[in-house]
Every structure is written in structure tokens, then in C-alpha cells.
Amino acid sequence: MKSKNIYVWTAMINACVQNRAPEDALILLREMQSKGRIRPNEVSLVSVLPACGLLAGLMGGKQVHAFSIKMELNGYISLCNALID
């Protein structure tokens, strides 16, 4: 695939989470920002939160929460609900 947009990156993150590859999901989130130069949206963050849960990583969830506040995405109900889960 030549260029990946936010939808492709998010779909790949979802696929990793669904296939029980949480580390890969987190790597993709980082690559989306660094290599793809694409800012995650609320759907991307909702998609990556289960990866933090699979890793039993409270710190990862806290980092996603802090990132959502920094990017002013913390007003989205779906993201707030995912953070509670």
C-alpha cells in the first residue's frame, strides 16, 4: 500500500487487537504518528485502548488518556466510555 490514511492505520490497529497482538497495535500507533505523520483521532485511541487492557497496562491507558487531553479529544463520549472500560 503506497500511502496509509487514518482509516487504514486504525483498521490495522483493530486487526492487531482482535488477533491478540497488543504490542503490535501500540507499535502501529507510534508508527502512524512518526512514519505516517498522521495524528490519531478519537477512533484510533478507542481502538488502541483494548491493547493496553490485554497487556494489563494501566500506564498505557493513562498515556492514552493524557494524549487525548493534550489533543483535545477527551470530549468524545465513545473515548470516555472506552477509558472507563
C-alpha atoms as a PDB file:
ATOM      1  CA  MET A   1       0.000   0.000   0.000  1.00  0.00           C
ATOM      2  CA  LYS A   2       1.506   3.269  -1.097  1.00  0.00           C
ATOM      3  CA  SER A   3       0.031   5.707   1.377  1.00  0.00           C
ATOM      4  CA  LYS A   4      -1.925   4.954   4.503  1.00  0.00           C
ATOM      5  CA  ASN A   5      -4.583   7.295   5.819  1.00  0.00           C
ATOM      6  CA  ILE A   6      -6.122   7.435   9.289  1.00  0.00           C
ATOM      7  CA  TYR A   7      -8.686   4.782   8.355  1.00  0.00           C
ATOM      8  CA  VAL A   8      -6.072   2.276   7.198  1.00  0.00           C
ATOM      9  CA  TRP A   9      -3.904   2.815  10.278  1.00  0.00           C
ATOM     10  CA  THR A  10      -6.913   2.425  12.586  1.00  0.00           C
ATOM     11  CA  ALA A  11      -8.045  -0.733  10.778  1.00  0.00           C
ATOM     12  CA  MET A  12      -4.567  -2.220  11.193  1.00  0.00           C
ATOM     13  CA  ILE A  13      -4.601  -1.349  14.904  1.00  0.00           C
ATOM     14  CA  ASN A  14      -8.024  -3.003  15.249  1.00  0.00           C
ATOM     15  CA  ALA A  15      -6.779  -6.117  13.461  1.00  0.00           C
ATOM     16  CA  CYS A  16      -3.842  -6.415  15.858  1.00  0.00           C
ATOM     17  CA  VAL A  17      -6.094  -6.082  18.899  1.00  0.00           C
ATOM     18  CA  GLN A  18      -8.596  -8.619  17.537  1.00  0.00           C
ATOM     19  CA  ASN A  19      -5.768 -11.065  16.815  1.00  0.00           C
ATOM     20  CA  ARG A  20      -4.364 -10.696  20.322  1.00  0.00           C
ATOM     21  CA  ALA A  21      -1.258  -8.797  19.257  1.00  0.00           C
ATOM     22  CA  PRO A  22      -1.421  -5.773  21.578  1.00  0.00           C
ATOM     23  CA  GLU A  23       2.264  -4.920  21.281  1.00  0.00           C
ATOM     24  CA  ASP A  24       1.876  -4.638  17.517  1.00  0.00           C
ATOM     25  CA  ALA A  25      -1.157  -2.376  17.962  1.00  0.00           C
ATOM     26  CA  LEU A  26       0.864   0.020  20.106  1.00  0.00           C
ATOM     27  CA  ILE A  27       3.763  -0.070  17.653  1.00  0.00           C
ATOM     28  CA  LEU A  28       1.367   0.815  14.836  1.00  0.00           C
ATOM     29  CA  LEU A  29       0.009   3.762  16.812  1.00  0.00           C
ATOM     30  CA  ARG A  30       3.546   5.094  17.212  1.00  0.00           C
ATOM     31  CA  GLU A  31       4.365   4.471  13.544  1.00  0.00           C
ATOM     32  CA  MET A  32       1.182   6.217  12.467  1.00  0.00           C
ATOM     33  CA  GLN A  33       2.447   9.345  14.186  1.00  0.00           C
ATOM     34  CA  SER A  34       6.117   9.100  13.268  1.00  0.00           C
ATOM     35  CA  LYS A  35       6.270   7.490   9.823  1.00  0.00           C
ATOM     36  CA  GLY A  36       2.806   8.373   8.596  1.00  0.00           C
ATOM     37  CA  ARG A  37       2.781  11.777  10.248  1.00  0.00           C
ATOM     38  CA  ILE A  38      -0.895  11.248  10.988  1.00  0.00           C
ATOM     39  CA  ARG A  39      -2.437  12.465  14.216  1.00  0.00           C
ATOM     40  CA  PRO A  40      -4.589   9.795  15.890  1.00  0.00           C
ATOM     41  CA  ASN A  41      -8.252  10.658  16.240  1.00  0.00           C
ATOM     42  CA  GLU A  42     -10.740   9.503  18.861  1.00  0.00           C
ATOM     43  CA  VAL A  43     -11.487   6.295  16.929  1.00  0.00           C
ATOM     44  CA  SER A  44      -7.784   5.424  16.783  1.00  0.00           C
ATOM     45  CA  LEU A  45      -7.477   5.898  20.528  1.00  0.00           C
ATOM     46  CA  VAL A  46     -10.628   3.870  21.247  1.00  0.00           C
ATOM     47  CA  SER A  47      -9.140   1.135  19.052  1.00  0.00           C
ATOM     48  CA  VAL A  48      -5.821   1.025  20.880  1.00  0.00           C
ATOM     49  CA  LEU A  49      -7.198   1.031  24.442  1.00  0.00           C
ATOM     50  CA  PRO A  50      -8.031  -2.711  24.431  1.00  0.00           C
ATOM     51  CA  ALA A  51      -4.361  -3.339  23.643  1.00  0.00           C
ATOM     52  CA  CYS A  52      -3.490  -1.631  26.918  1.00  0.00           C
ATOM     53  CA  GLY A  53      -6.021  -3.875  28.646  1.00  0.00           C
ATOM     54  CA  LEU A  54      -4.584  -7.013  27.059  1.00  0.00           C
ATOM     55  CA  LEU A  55      -1.161  -6.011  28.332  1.00  0.00           C
ATOM     56  CA  ALA A  56      -2.640  -5.235  31.757  1.00  0.00           C
ATOM     57  CA  GLY A  57      -1.020  -1.872  31.306  1.00  0.00           C
ATOM     58  CA  LEU A  58      -2.614   0.788  33.453  1.00  0.00           C
ATOM     59  CA  MET A  59       0.216   3.106  32.457  1.00  0.00           C
ATOM     60  CA  GLY A  60      -0.602   2.664  28.766  1.00  0.00           C
ATOM     61  CA  GLY A  61      -4.212   3.582  29.431  1.00  0.00           C
ATOM     62  CA  LYS A  62      -3.089   6.628  31.381  1.00  0.00           C
ATOM     63  CA  GLN A  63      -0.845   7.670  28.498  1.00  0.00           C
ATOM     64  CA  VAL A  64      -3.720   7.362  26.033  1.00  0.00           C
ATOM     65  CA  HIS A  65      -5.869   9.439  28.388  1.00  0.00           C
ATOM     66  CA  ALA A  66      -3.177  12.112  28.725  1.00  0.00           C
ATOM     67  CA  PHE A  67      -2.718  12.155  24.949  1.00  0.00           C
ATOM     68  CA  SER A  68      -6.476  12.574  24.440  1.00  0.00           C
ATOM     69  CA  ILE A  69      -6.477  15.572  26.776  1.00  0.00           C
ATOM     70  CA  LYS A  70      -3.452  17.096  25.050  1.00  0.00           C
ATOM     71  CA  MET A  71      -5.097  16.687  21.625  1.00  0.00           C
ATOM     72  CA  GLU A  72      -8.446  17.953  22.976  1.00  0.00           C
ATOM     73  CA  LEU A  73     -10.190  14.663  22.170  1.00  0.00           C
ATOM     74  CA  ASN A  74     -11.383  13.992  25.713  1.00  0.00           C
ATOM     75  CA  GLY A  75     -14.881  15.333  24.987  1.00  0.00           C
ATOM     76  CA  TYR A  76     -15.834  12.368  22.799  1.00  0.00           C
ATOM     77  CA  ILE A  77     -18.280  10.081  24.612  1.00  0.00           C
ATOM     78  CA  SER A  78     -17.008   6.909  22.919  1.00  0.00           C
ATOM     79  CA  LEU A  79     -13.458   7.666  24.049  1.00  0.00           C
ATOM     80  CA  CYS A  80     -14.577   8.500  27.590  1.00  0.00           C
ATOM     81  CA  ASN A  81     -16.523   5.230  27.770  1.00  0.00           C
ATOM     82  CA  ALA A  82     -13.553   3.245  26.445  1.00  0.00           C
ATOM     83  CA  LEU A  83     -11.299   4.825  29.057  1.00  0.00           C
ATOM     84  CA  ILE A  84     -13.699   3.710  31.792  1.00  0.00           C
ATOM     85  CA  ASP A  85     -13.649   0.134  30.493  1.00  0.00           C
END
